[in-house]
Amino acid sequence: MRATSNAHGRVRQLRRRMSLPEVILWTALRGREPGRPVFRRQHPIGPYVLDFYCAKARLCVEVDGGN
């Protein structure tokens, strides 16, 4: 599913304003070492923006709390 045209601007804004729980999780997920899954943050899918997404595993992670 493709992202809507206005989602890309919203994604940039969300990446700049991540909540504390999102920042903590992102620091743990961001390493791209061999054998580790690769995650994307604030990934747009259709009209939605996923907090974290691993394409290979087809796994999305939503984090609540913080702000």
PDB file of N, CA and C in Angstrom:
ATOM      1  N   MET A   1       0.846  -1.169   0.000  1.00  0.00           N
ATOM      2  CA  MET A   1       0.000   0.000   0.000  1.00  0.00           C
ATOM      3  C   MET A   1       0.900   1.244   0.000  1.00  0.00           C
ATOM      4  N   ARG A   2       0.609   2.171  -0.852  1.00  0.00           N
ATOM      5  CA  ARG A   2       1.403   3.397  -0.955  1.00  0.00           C
ATOM      6  C   ARG A   2       0.928   4.439   0.048  1.00  0.00           C
ATOM      7  N   ALA A   3       1.858   5.280   0.433  1.00  0.00           N
ATOM      8  CA  ALA A   3       1.532   6.373   1.350  1.00  0.00           C
ATOM      9  C   ALA A   3       0.817   7.481   0.599  1.00  0.00           C
ATOM     10  N   THR A   4      -0.040   8.182   1.293  1.00  0.00           N
ATOM     11  CA  THR A   4      -0.700   9.330   0.683  1.00  0.00           C
ATOM     12  C   THR A   4       0.310  10.465   0.534  1.00  0.00           C
ATOM     13  N   SER A   5       0.027  11.399  -0.347  1.00  0.00           N
ATOM     14  CA  SER A   5       0.990  12.458  -0.658  1.00  0.00           C
ATOM     15  C   SER A   5       1.307  13.344   0.542  1.00  0.00           C
ATOM     16  N   ASN A   6       0.340  13.584   1.410  1.00  0.00           N
ATOM     17  CA  ASN A   6       0.600  14.446   2.570  1.00  0.00           C
ATOM     18  C   ASN A   6       1.245  13.689   3.718  1.00  0.00           C
ATOM     19  N   ALA A   7       1.339  12.374   3.639  1.00  0.00           N
ATOM     20  CA  ALA A   7       1.926  11.576   4.717  1.00  0.00           C
ATOM     21  C   ALA A   7       3.419  11.814   4.848  1.00  0.00           C
ATOM     22  N   HIS A   8       4.111  12.070   3.749  1.00  0.00           N
ATOM     23  CA  HIS A   8       5.562  12.237   3.803  1.00  0.00           C
ATOM     24  C   HIS A   8       5.966  13.463   4.619  1.00  0.00           C
ATOM     25  N   GLY A   9       5.241  14.553   4.493  1.00  0.00           N
ATOM     26  CA  GLY A   9       5.520  15.736   5.305  1.00  0.00           C
ATOM     27  C   GLY A   9       5.233  15.476   6.772  1.00  0.00           C
ATOM     28  N   ARG A  10       4.164  14.747   7.027  1.00  0.00           N
ATOM     29  CA  ARG A  10       3.799  14.401   8.399  1.00  0.00           C
ATOM     30  C   ARG A  10       4.836  13.473   9.025  1.00  0.00           C
ATOM     31  N   VAL A  11       5.387  12.569   8.228  1.00  0.00           N
ATOM     32  CA  VAL A  11       6.411  11.639   8.709  1.00  0.00           C
ATOM     33  C   VAL A  11       7.649  12.406   9.158  1.00  0.00           C
ATOM     34  N   ARG A  12       8.088  13.359   8.367  1.00  0.00           N
ATOM     35  CA  ARG A  12       9.261  14.171   8.738  1.00  0.00           C
ATOM     36  C   ARG A  12       9.026  14.881  10.070  1.00  0.00           C
ATOM     37  N   GLN A  13       7.844  15.413  10.236  1.00  0.00           N
ATOM     38  CA  GLN A  13       7.503  16.115  11.471  1.00  0.00           C
ATOM     39  C   GLN A  13       7.496  15.141  12.655  1.00  0.00           C
ATOM     40  N   LEU A  14       6.950  13.954  12.482  1.00  0.00           N
ATOM     41  CA  LEU A  14       6.899  12.965  13.559  1.00  0.00           C
ATOM     42  C   LEU A  14       8.294  12.471  13.940  1.00  0.00           C
ATOM     43  N   ARG A  15       9.190  12.366  12.960  1.00  0.00           N
ATOM     44  CA  ARG A  15      10.555  11.931  13.273  1.00  0.00           C
ATOM     45  C   ARG A  15      11.263  12.947  14.152  1.00  0.00           C
ATOM     46  N   ARG A  16      10.971  14.223  13.950  1.00  0.00           N
ATOM     47  CA  ARG A  16      11.597  15.272  14.768  1.00  0.00           C
ATOM     48  C   ARG A  16      11.013  15.327  16.174  1.00  0.00           C
ATOM     49  N   ARG A  17       9.766  14.885  16.350  1.00  0.00           N
ATOM     50  CA  ARG A  17       9.069  15.000  17.630  1.00  0.00           C
ATOM     51  C   ARG A  17       8.742  13.639  18.234  1.00  0.00           C
ATOM     52  N   MET A  18       9.700  12.746  18.272  1.00  0.00           N
ATOM     53  CA  MET A  18       9.454  11.425  18.849  1.00  0.00           C
ATOM     54  C   MET A  18       9.324  11.541  20.368  1.00  0.00           C
ATOM     55  N   SER A  19       8.434  10.733  20.949  1.00  0.00           N
ATOM     56  CA  SER A  19       8.264  10.721  22.400  1.00  0.00           C
ATOM     57  C   SER A  19       9.446   9.990  23.038  1.00  0.00           C
ATOM     58  N   LEU A  20       9.608  10.144  24.335  1.00  0.00           N
ATOM     59  CA  LEU A  20      10.724   9.509  25.032  1.00  0.00           C
ATOM     60  C   LEU A  20      10.707   7.981  24.870  1.00  0.00           C
ATOM     61  N   PRO A  21       9.567   7.291  25.033  1.00  0.00           N
ATOM     62  CA  PRO A  21       9.569   5.842  24.810  1.00  0.00           C
ATOM     63  C   PRO A  21       9.989   5.472  23.377  1.00  0.00           C
ATOM     64  N   GLU A  22       9.591   6.273  22.388  1.00  0.00           N
ATOM     65  CA  GLU A  22       9.992   6.005  21.004  1.00  0.00           C
ATOM     66  C   GLU A  22      11.495   6.191  20.820  1.00  0.00           C
ATOM     67  N   VAL A  23      12.055   7.225  21.430  1.00  0.00           N
ATOM     68  CA  VAL A  23      13.490   7.480  21.320  1.00  0.00           C
ATOM     69  C   VAL A  23      14.278   6.334  21.945  1.00  0.00           C
ATOM     70  N   ILE A  24      13.849   5.867  23.106  1.00  0.00           N
ATOM     71  CA  ILE A  24      14.539   4.765  23.786  1.00  0.00           C
ATOM     72  C   ILE A  24      14.493   3.505  22.932  1.00  0.00           C
ATOM     73  N   LEU A  25      13.337   3.183  22.390  1.00  0.00           N
ATOM     74  CA  LEU A  25      13.222   1.983  21.546  1.00  0.00           C
ATOM     75  C   LEU A  25      14.028   2.142  20.262  1.00  0.00           C
ATOM     76  N   TRP A  26      14.016   3.316  19.657  1.00  0.00           N
ATOM     77  CA  TRP A  26      14.748   3.543  18.414  1.00  0.00           C
ATOM     78  C   TRP A  26      16.255   3.379  18.621  1.00  0.00           C
ATOM     79  N   THR A  27      16.776   3.825  19.759  1.00  0.00           N
ATOM     80  CA  THR A  27      18.209   3.656  20.007  1.00  0.00           C
ATOM     81  C   THR A  27      18.576   2.178  20.096  1.00  0.00           C
ATOM     82  N   ALA A  28      17.661   1.342  20.545  1.00  0.00           N
ATOM     83  CA  ALA A  28      17.917  -0.099  20.614  1.00  0.00           C
ATOM     84  C   ALA A  28      17.756  -0.778  19.254  1.00  0.00           C
ATOM     85  N   LEU A  29      16.869  -0.252  18.400  1.00  0.00           N
ATOM     86  CA  LEU A  29      16.565  -0.904  17.123  1.00  0.00           C
ATOM     87  C   LEU A  29      17.417  -0.419  15.953  1.00  0.00           C
ATOM     88  N   ARG A  30      18.045   0.716  16.064  1.00  0.00           N
ATOM     89  CA  ARG A  30      18.635   1.370  14.904  1.00  0.00           C
ATOM     90  C   ARG A  30      19.891   0.719  14.358  1.00  0.00           C
ATOM     91  N   GLY A  31      20.585  -0.090  15.105  1.00  0.00           N
ATOM     92  CA  GLY A  31      21.821  -0.713  14.613  1.00  0.00           C
ATOM     93  C   GLY A  31      21.568  -1.618  13.418  1.00  0.00           C
ATOM     94  N   ARG A  32      22.380  -1.491  12.391  1.00  0.00           N
ATOM     95  CA  ARG A  32      22.222  -2.326  11.198  1.00  0.00           C
ATOM     96  C   ARG A  32      23.385  -3.303  11.115  1.00  0.00           C
ATOM     97  N   GLU A  33      23.481  -4.129  12.118  1.00  0.00           N
ATOM     98  CA  GLU A  33      24.535  -5.131  12.156  1.00  0.00           C
ATOM     99  C   GLU A  33      24.059  -6.380  11.427  1.00  0.00           C
ATOM    100  N   PRO A  34      25.003  -7.163  10.887  1.00  0.00           N
ATOM    101  CA  PRO A  34      24.619  -8.406  10.203  1.00  0.00           C
ATOM    102  C   PRO A  34      23.837  -9.333  11.140  1.00  0.00           C
ATOM    103  N   GLY A  35      22.784  -9.887  10.613  1.00  0.00           N
ATOM    104  CA  GLY A  35      21.955 -10.803  11.385  1.00  0.00           C
ATOM    105  C   GLY A  35      20.852 -10.150  12.194  1.00  0.00           C
ATOM    106  N   ARG A  36      20.865  -8.823  12.301  1.00  0.00           N
ATOM    107  CA  ARG A  36      19.816  -8.112  13.031  1.00  0.00           C
ATOM    108  C   ARG A  36      18.746  -7.640  12.061  1.00  0.00           C
ATOM    109  N   PRO A  37      17.500  -7.645  12.478  1.00  0.00           N
ATOM    110  CA  PRO A  37      16.449  -7.112  11.598  1.00  0.00           C
ATOM    111  C   PRO A  37      16.616  -5.605  11.412  1.00  0.00           C
ATOM    112  N   VAL A  38      16.216  -5.129  10.259  1.00  0.00           N
ATOM    113  CA  VAL A  38      16.313  -3.702   9.937  1.00  0.00           C
ATOM    114  C   VAL A  38      14.943  -3.070  10.158  1.00  0.00           C
ATOM    115  N   PHE A  39      14.903  -2.052  10.992  1.00  0.00           N
ATOM    116  CA  PHE A  39      13.661  -1.339  11.274  1.00  0.00           C
ATOM    117  C   PHE A  39      13.708   0.043  10.669  1.00  0.00           C
ATOM    118  N   ARG A  40      12.545   0.521  10.264  1.00  0.00           N
ATOM    119  CA  ARG A  40      12.366   1.906   9.812  1.00  0.00           C
ATOM    120  C   ARG A  40      11.510   2.591  10.858  1.00  0.00           C
ATOM    121  N   ARG A  41      11.750   3.877  11.067  1.00  0.00           N
ATOM    122  CA  ARG A  41      10.920   4.597  12.030  1.00  0.00           C
ATOM    123  C   ARG A  41       9.982   5.535  11.296  1.00  0.00           C
ATOM    124  N   GLN A  42       8.799   5.723  11.857  1.00  0.00           N
ATOM    125  CA  GLN A  42       7.769   6.589  11.287  1.00  0.00           C
ATOM    126  C   GLN A  42       7.574   6.268   9.812  1.00  0.00           C
ATOM    127  N   HIS A  43       7.212   5.035   9.529  1.00  0.00           N
ATOM    128  CA  HIS A  43       7.070   4.539   8.158  1.00  0.00           C
ATOM    129  C   HIS A  43       5.620   4.703   7.691  1.00  0.00           C
ATOM    130  N   PRO A  44       5.391   5.434   6.583  1.00  0.00           N
ATOM    131  CA  PRO A  44       4.016   5.630   6.097  1.00  0.00           C
ATOM    132  C   PRO A  44       3.515   4.417   5.318  1.00  0.00           C
ATOM    133  N   ILE A  45       2.287   4.002   5.630  1.00  0.00           N
ATOM    134  CA  ILE A  45       1.601   2.945   4.884  1.00  0.00           C
ATOM    135  C   ILE A  45       0.170   3.426   4.695  1.00  0.00           C
ATOM    136  N   GLY A  46      -0.173   3.734   3.464  1.00  0.00           N
ATOM    137  CA  GLY A  46      -1.506   4.273   3.192  1.00  0.00           C
ATOM    138  C   GLY A  46      -1.711   5.561   3.976  1.00  0.00           C
ATOM    139  N   PRO A  47      -2.853   5.697   4.630  1.00  0.00           N
ATOM    140  CA  PRO A  47      -3.105   6.918   5.407  1.00  0.00           C
ATOM    141  C   PRO A  47      -2.496   6.864   6.812  1.00  0.00           C
ATOM    142  N   TYR A  48      -1.822   5.765   7.141  1.00  0.00           N
ATOM    143  CA  TYR A  48      -1.285   5.559   8.486  1.00  0.00           C
ATOM    144  C   TYR A  48       0.222   5.766   8.521  1.00  0.00           C
ATOM    145  N   VAL A  49       0.729   6.070   9.715  1.00  0.00           N
ATOM    146  CA  VAL A  49       2.165   6.173   9.932  1.00  0.00           C
ATOM    147  C   VAL A  49       2.506   5.226  11.075  1.00  0.00           C
ATOM    148  N   LEU A  50       3.312   4.215  10.772  1.00  0.00           N
ATOM    149  CA  LEU A  50       3.714   3.242  11.785  1.00  0.00           C
ATOM    150  C   LEU A  50       4.920   3.784  12.547  1.00  0.00           C
ATOM    151  N   ASP A  51       4.957   3.563  13.847  1.00  0.00           N
ATOM    152  CA  ASP A  51       6.099   4.045  14.635  1.00  0.00           C
ATOM    153  C   ASP A  51       7.379   3.347  14.180  1.00  0.00           C
ATOM    154  N   PHE A  52       7.363   2.024  14.101  1.00  0.00           N
ATOM    155  CA  PHE A  52       8.524   1.249  13.659  1.00  0.00           C
ATOM    156  C   PHE A  52       8.032   0.115  12.774  1.00  0.00           C
ATOM    157  N   TYR A  53       8.809  -0.187  11.723  1.00  0.00           N
ATOM    158  CA  TYR A  53       8.395  -1.218  10.773  1.00  0.00           C
ATOM    159  C   TYR A  53       9.604  -2.015  10.301  1.00  0.00           C
ATOM    160  N   CYS A  54       9.488  -3.337  10.333  1.00  0.00           N
ATOM    161  CA  CYS A  54      10.500  -4.240   9.798  1.00  0.00           C
ATOM    162  C   CYS A  54       9.881  -4.926   8.581  1.00  0.00           C
ATOM    163  N   ALA A  55      10.371  -4.587   7.389  1.00  0.00           N
ATOM    164  CA  ALA A  55       9.784  -5.097   6.152  1.00  0.00           C
ATOM    165  C   ALA A  55      10.006  -6.595   5.994  1.00  0.00           C
ATOM    166  N   LYS A  56      11.191  -7.072   6.340  1.00  0.00           N
ATOM    167  CA  LYS A  56      11.498  -8.496   6.158  1.00  0.00           C
ATOM    168  C   LYS A  56      10.571  -9.379   6.989  1.00  0.00           C
ATOM    169  N   ALA A  57      10.292  -8.967   8.211  1.00  0.00           N
ATOM    170  CA  ALA A  57       9.417  -9.740   9.094  1.00  0.00           C
ATOM    171  C   ALA A  57       7.950  -9.344   8.953  1.00  0.00           C
ATOM    172  N   ARG A  58       7.687  -8.274   8.176  1.00  0.00           N
ATOM    173  CA  ARG A  58       6.335  -7.725   8.044  1.00  0.00           C
ATOM    174  C   ARG A  58       5.737  -7.455   9.420  1.00  0.00           C
ATOM    175  N   LEU A  59       6.549  -6.755  10.242  1.00  0.00           N
ATOM    176  CA  LEU A  59       6.190  -6.484  11.632  1.00  0.00           C
ATOM    177  C   LEU A  59       6.147  -4.985  11.857  1.00  0.00           C
ATOM    178  N   CYS A  60       5.053  -4.524  12.453  1.00  0.00           N
ATOM    179  CA  CYS A  60       4.984  -3.116  12.836  1.00  0.00           C
ATOM    180  C   CYS A  60       4.868  -3.038  14.358  1.00  0.00           C
ATOM    181  N   VAL A  61       5.485  -2.004  14.917  1.00  0.00           N
ATOM    182  CA  VAL A  61       5.479  -1.795  16.350  1.00  0.00           C
ATOM    183  C   VAL A  61       4.962  -0.386  16.607  1.00  0.00           C
ATOM    184  N   GLU A  62       3.920  -0.283  17.400  1.00  0.00           N
ATOM    185  CA  GLU A  62       3.358   0.995  17.795  1.00  0.00           C
ATOM    186  C   GLU A  62       3.664   1.224  19.259  1.00  0.00           C
ATOM    187  N   VAL A  63       4.143   2.408  19.594  1.00  0.00           N
ATOM    188  CA  VAL A  63       4.502   2.737  20.970  1.00  0.00           C
ATOM    189  C   VAL A  63       3.543   3.796  21.480  1.00  0.00           C
ATOM    190  N   ASP A  64       2.904   3.516  22.609  1.00  0.00           N
ATOM    191  CA  ASP A  64       2.004   4.485  23.234  1.00  0.00           C
ATOM    192  C   ASP A  64       2.662   5.036  24.486  1.00  0.00           C
ATOM    193  N   GLY A  65       2.194   6.184  24.900  1.00  0.00           N
ATOM    194  CA  GLY A  65       2.727   6.786  26.111  1.00  0.00           C
ATOM    195  C   GLY A  65       3.607   7.971  25.799  1.00  0.00           C
ATOM    196  N   GLY A  66       4.156   8.534  26.823  1.00  0.00           N
ATOM    197  CA  GLY A  66       5.014   9.690  26.627  1.00  0.00           C
ATOM    198  C   GLY A  66       4.200  10.957  26.545  1.00  0.00           C
ATOM    199  N   ASN A  67       4.231  11.618  25.391  1.00  0.00           N
ATOM    200  CA  ASN A  67       3.574  12.929  25.212  1.00  0.00           C
ATOM    201  C   ASN A  67       2.094  12.804  25.195  1.00  0.00           C
TER     202      ASN A  67
END
